[in-house]
Amino acid sequence: MSMHDLLVTLAVVIPASFIAGRYSNRIAFFHARTEQKLTVQEFLRSRQG
């Protein structure tokens, strides 16, 4: 794998992983809000543990 191929791969994979991460966190946030009615601080604490 050449350096160019590696850079192109990283340029595609890194933003895609951030988008997927934000999307999954948004789903988890709304799911938690509808089930447990957590505050934002409580939700963030529960996600860290």
Protein backbone atom coordinates (compact mmCIF):
# COMPACT_ATOMS: atom_id res chain seq x y z
CA MET A 1 0.00 0.00 0.00
CA SER A 2 1.53 3.29 -1.07
CA MET A 3 1.51 6.46 1.01
CA HIS A 4 -1.08 7.99 -1.33
CA ASP A 5 -3.41 5.00 -0.88
CA LEU A 6 -2.99 5.21 2.88
CA LEU A 7 -3.84 8.93 2.97
CA VAL A 8 -6.90 8.45 0.76
CA THR A 9 -8.08 5.59 2.97
CA LEU A 10 -7.65 7.68 6.13
CA ALA A 11 -9.41 10.65 4.51
CA VAL A 12 -12.44 8.41 3.88
CA VAL A 13 -12.44 6.23 7.01
CA ILE A 14 -11.92 8.91 9.68
CA PRO A 15 -14.86 11.18 8.68
CA ALA A 16 -17.06 8.13 8.10
CA SER A 17 -16.30 6.83 11.59
CA PHE A 18 -17.11 10.22 13.15
CA ILE A 19 -20.41 10.38 11.24
CA ALA A 20 -21.31 6.84 12.31
CA GLY A 21 -20.38 7.64 15.91
CA ARG A 22 -22.46 10.79 16.03
CA TYR A 23 -25.42 9.02 14.44
CA SER A 24 -25.30 6.12 16.91
CA ASN A 25 -24.94 8.50 19.88
CA ARG A 26 -27.96 10.47 18.69
CA ILE A 27 -30.02 7.27 18.52
CA ALA A 28 -28.85 6.23 22.01
CA PHE A 29 -29.60 9.72 23.38
CA PHE A 30 -33.18 9.77 22.08
CA HIS A 31 -33.74 6.18 23.18
CA ALA A 32 -32.57 7.00 26.70
CA ARG A 33 -34.64 10.21 26.81
CA THR A 34 -37.85 8.49 25.80
CA GLU A 35 -37.37 5.58 28.22
CA GLN A 36 -35.85 7.17 31.33
CA LYS A 37 -36.24 10.97 30.97
CA LEU A 38 -32.62 11.63 31.93
CA THR A 39 -31.07 15.06 32.02
CA VAL A 40 -28.15 15.65 29.66
CA GLN A 41 -25.65 15.45 32.53
CA GLU A 42 -27.12 12.17 33.79
CA PHE A 43 -27.09 10.74 30.29
CA LEU A 44 -23.45 11.68 29.71
CA ARG A 45 -22.48 10.19 33.06
CA SER A 46 -24.30 6.94 32.23
CA ARG A 47 -22.54 6.73 28.85
CA GLN A 48 -19.08 7.14 30.43
CA GLY A 49 -19.56 4.35 32.98
